[in-house]
Every structure is written in structure tokens, then in C-alpha cells.
Amino acid sequence: MPERLKKRAMRVVGVRQVLRAVREERAQELFLAMDADSSLRAQIEQEAREKGLPLHMIATMEELAALCRVDVPSAAACLIRNT
């Protein structure tokens, strides 16, 4: 499943974009870096619980960025539904 994060058309990266996708019910699976700020983690974890979305923990923000093929460390990413 993390391999799908590499496809730009299937994912969004960044806390704001992830939260927007969740609230707009476009998110399918969430990925969260364990070393992200605790308040950001709590916010995304709560949204995932409320919407019943799978949440996968990734060790570091750098590892999540590498999975998504972006150059900056990323706290969160999500796969989006096919529309």
C-alpha cells in the first residue's frame, strides 16, 4: 500500500491537504509520521477515527516524504478515492 503513495494522482501530502481530503470525504487511507508534532497527530488521528478511515503509522517524516517522492519532510499523506 505505501507504494501507491508514489503516484501523484492518487494521493495528497501535507496536514492541511490531508484534513481537507478527509473532511470532503475524498480520503481513502491515511499515513501519519510518528515524529510529527503531537497536536497535529492528535488532530489527524481524531479525524480518522470519526470517519472510520484506516490510519498507517510511518516511522519518520523523512520516510513518509520518501514514500511520497517529495523533497520536504511530511507529517501526513493520504490516498484519495478514484473519482
C-alpha atoms as a PDB file:
ATOM      1  CA  MET A   1       0.000   0.000   0.000  1.00  0.00           C
ATOM      2  CA  PRO A   2       2.765   2.607   0.638  1.00  0.00           C
ATOM      3  CA  GLU A   3       3.871   2.013  -2.970  1.00  0.00           C
ATOM      4  CA  ARG A   4       0.650   3.702  -4.084  1.00  0.00           C
ATOM      5  CA  LEU A   5       1.818   6.887  -2.334  1.00  0.00           C
ATOM      6  CA  LYS A   6       4.357   7.332  -5.127  1.00  0.00           C
ATOM      7  CA  LYS A   7       1.627   8.078  -7.677  1.00  0.00           C
ATOM      8  CA  ARG A   8       0.885  11.781  -7.556  1.00  0.00           C
ATOM      9  CA  ALA A   9      -2.658  11.432  -8.924  1.00  0.00           C
ATOM     10  CA  MET A  10      -3.665   9.053  -6.131  1.00  0.00           C
ATOM     11  CA  ARG A  11      -2.506  10.992  -3.068  1.00  0.00           C
ATOM     12  CA  VAL A  12      -2.215  14.277  -1.253  1.00  0.00           C
ATOM     13  CA  VAL A  13       0.641  15.264   1.041  1.00  0.00           C
ATOM     14  CA  GLY A  14       0.642  17.669   3.971  1.00  0.00           C
ATOM     15  CA  VAL A  15      -1.529  18.136   7.025  1.00  0.00           C
ATOM     16  CA  ARG A  16      -3.840  20.794   5.543  1.00  0.00           C
ATOM     17  CA  GLN A  17      -4.419  18.885   2.323  1.00  0.00           C
ATOM     18  CA  VAL A  18      -4.998  15.615   4.195  1.00  0.00           C
ATOM     19  CA  LEU A  19      -7.508  17.190   6.566  1.00  0.00           C
ATOM     20  CA  ARG A  20      -9.306  18.823   3.635  1.00  0.00           C
ATOM     21  CA  ALA A  21      -9.495  15.476   1.792  1.00  0.00           C
ATOM     22  CA  VAL A  22     -10.855  13.768   4.925  1.00  0.00           C
ATOM     23  CA  ARG A  23     -13.497  16.441   5.507  1.00  0.00           C
ATOM     24  CA  GLU A  24     -14.529  16.358   1.851  1.00  0.00           C
ATOM     25  CA  GLU A  25     -14.750  12.554   2.073  1.00  0.00           C
ATOM     26  CA  ARG A  26     -12.150  12.056  -0.657  1.00  0.00           C
ATOM     27  CA  ALA A  27      -9.623  10.320   1.628  1.00  0.00           C
ATOM     28  CA  GLN A  28      -9.333   6.551   1.496  1.00  0.00           C
ATOM     29  CA  GLU A  29      -6.327   5.741   3.733  1.00  0.00           C
ATOM     30  CA  LEU A  30      -4.211   7.998   5.926  1.00  0.00           C
ATOM     31  CA  PHE A  31      -0.481   7.866   6.617  1.00  0.00           C
ATOM     32  CA  LEU A  32       0.968   9.713   9.597  1.00  0.00           C
ATOM     33  CA  ALA A  33       4.582  10.195  10.671  1.00  0.00           C
ATOM     34  CA  MET A  34       5.197   9.176  14.272  1.00  0.00           C
ATOM     35  CA  ASP A  35       7.674  12.022  14.790  1.00  0.00           C
ATOM     36  CA  ALA A  36       5.191  14.698  13.681  1.00  0.00           C
ATOM     37  CA  ASP A  37       4.033  17.318  16.173  1.00  0.00           C
ATOM     38  CA  SER A  38       1.762  15.691  18.766  1.00  0.00           C
ATOM     39  CA  SER A  39      -1.089  18.186  18.278  1.00  0.00           C
ATOM     40  CA  LEU A  40      -1.098  17.531  14.520  1.00  0.00           C
ATOM     41  CA  ARG A  41      -1.015  13.778  15.107  1.00  0.00           C
ATOM     42  CA  ALA A  42      -3.922  14.008  17.534  1.00  0.00           C
ATOM     43  CA  GLN A  43      -5.985  16.054  15.075  1.00  0.00           C
ATOM     44  CA  ILE A  44      -5.450  13.610  12.211  1.00  0.00           C
ATOM     45  CA  GLU A  45      -5.974  10.559  14.445  1.00  0.00           C
ATOM     46  CA  GLN A  46      -9.296  12.015  15.635  1.00  0.00           C
ATOM     47  CA  GLU A  47     -10.488  12.744  12.094  1.00  0.00           C
ATOM     48  CA  ALA A  48      -9.524   9.214  11.010  1.00  0.00           C
ATOM     49  CA  ARG A  49     -11.477   7.684  13.908  1.00  0.00           C
ATOM     50  CA  GLU A  50     -14.533   9.835  13.262  1.00  0.00           C
ATOM     51  CA  LYS A  51     -14.600   8.926   9.564  1.00  0.00           C
ATOM     52  CA  GLY A  52     -13.609   5.280  10.108  1.00  0.00           C
ATOM     53  CA  LEU A  53     -10.546   5.556   7.876  1.00  0.00           C
ATOM     54  CA  PRO A  54      -7.517   3.268   8.121  1.00  0.00           C
ATOM     55  CA  LEU A  55      -4.517   5.042   9.635  1.00  0.00           C
ATOM     56  CA  HIS A  56      -0.997   3.766   8.998  1.00  0.00           C
ATOM     57  CA  MET A  57       1.893   4.990  11.100  1.00  0.00           C
ATOM     58  CA  ILE A  58       5.232   5.696   9.387  1.00  0.00           C
ATOM     59  CA  ALA A  59       8.390   5.989  11.495  1.00  0.00           C
ATOM     60  CA  THR A  60       9.582   9.443  10.417  1.00  0.00           C
ATOM     61  CA  MET A  61       8.521  12.452   8.379  1.00  0.00           C
ATOM     62  CA  GLU A  62      11.553  11.880   6.143  1.00  0.00           C
ATOM     63  CA  GLU A  63      10.467   8.296   5.455  1.00  0.00           C
ATOM     64  CA  LEU A  64       6.942   9.432   4.607  1.00  0.00           C
ATOM     65  CA  ALA A  65       8.344  12.095   2.263  1.00  0.00           C
ATOM     66  CA  ALA A  66      10.483   9.467   0.529  1.00  0.00           C
ATOM     67  CA  LEU A  67       7.452   7.201   0.093  1.00  0.00           C
ATOM     68  CA  CYS A  68       5.574  10.117  -1.492  1.00  0.00           C
ATOM     69  CA  ARG A  69       8.578  11.211  -3.558  1.00  0.00           C
ATOM     70  CA  VAL A  70       8.604  14.750  -2.189  1.00  0.00           C
ATOM     71  CA  ASP A  71      11.666  16.693  -1.101  1.00  0.00           C
ATOM     72  CA  VAL A  72      10.457  18.076   2.219  1.00  0.00           C
ATOM     73  CA  PRO A  73       9.650  16.049   5.355  1.00  0.00           C
ATOM     74  CA  SER A  74       5.913  15.407   5.559  1.00  0.00           C
ATOM     75  CA  ALA A  75       3.800  14.821   8.639  1.00  0.00           C
ATOM     76  CA  ALA A  76       0.831  13.299   6.800  1.00  0.00           C
ATOM     77  CA  ALA A  77      -0.358  11.929   3.490  1.00  0.00           C
ATOM     78  CA  CYS A  78      -3.407  10.128   2.236  1.00  0.00           C
ATOM     79  CA  LEU A  79      -4.609   8.090  -0.665  1.00  0.00           C
ATOM     80  CA  ILE A  80      -7.635   9.592  -2.319  1.00  0.00           C
ATOM     81  CA  ARG A  81     -10.624   7.851  -3.762  1.00  0.00           C
ATOM     82  CA  ASN A  82     -10.933   7.397  -7.502  1.00  0.00           C
ATOM     83  CA  THR A  83     -13.448   9.858  -8.842  1.00  0.00           C
END
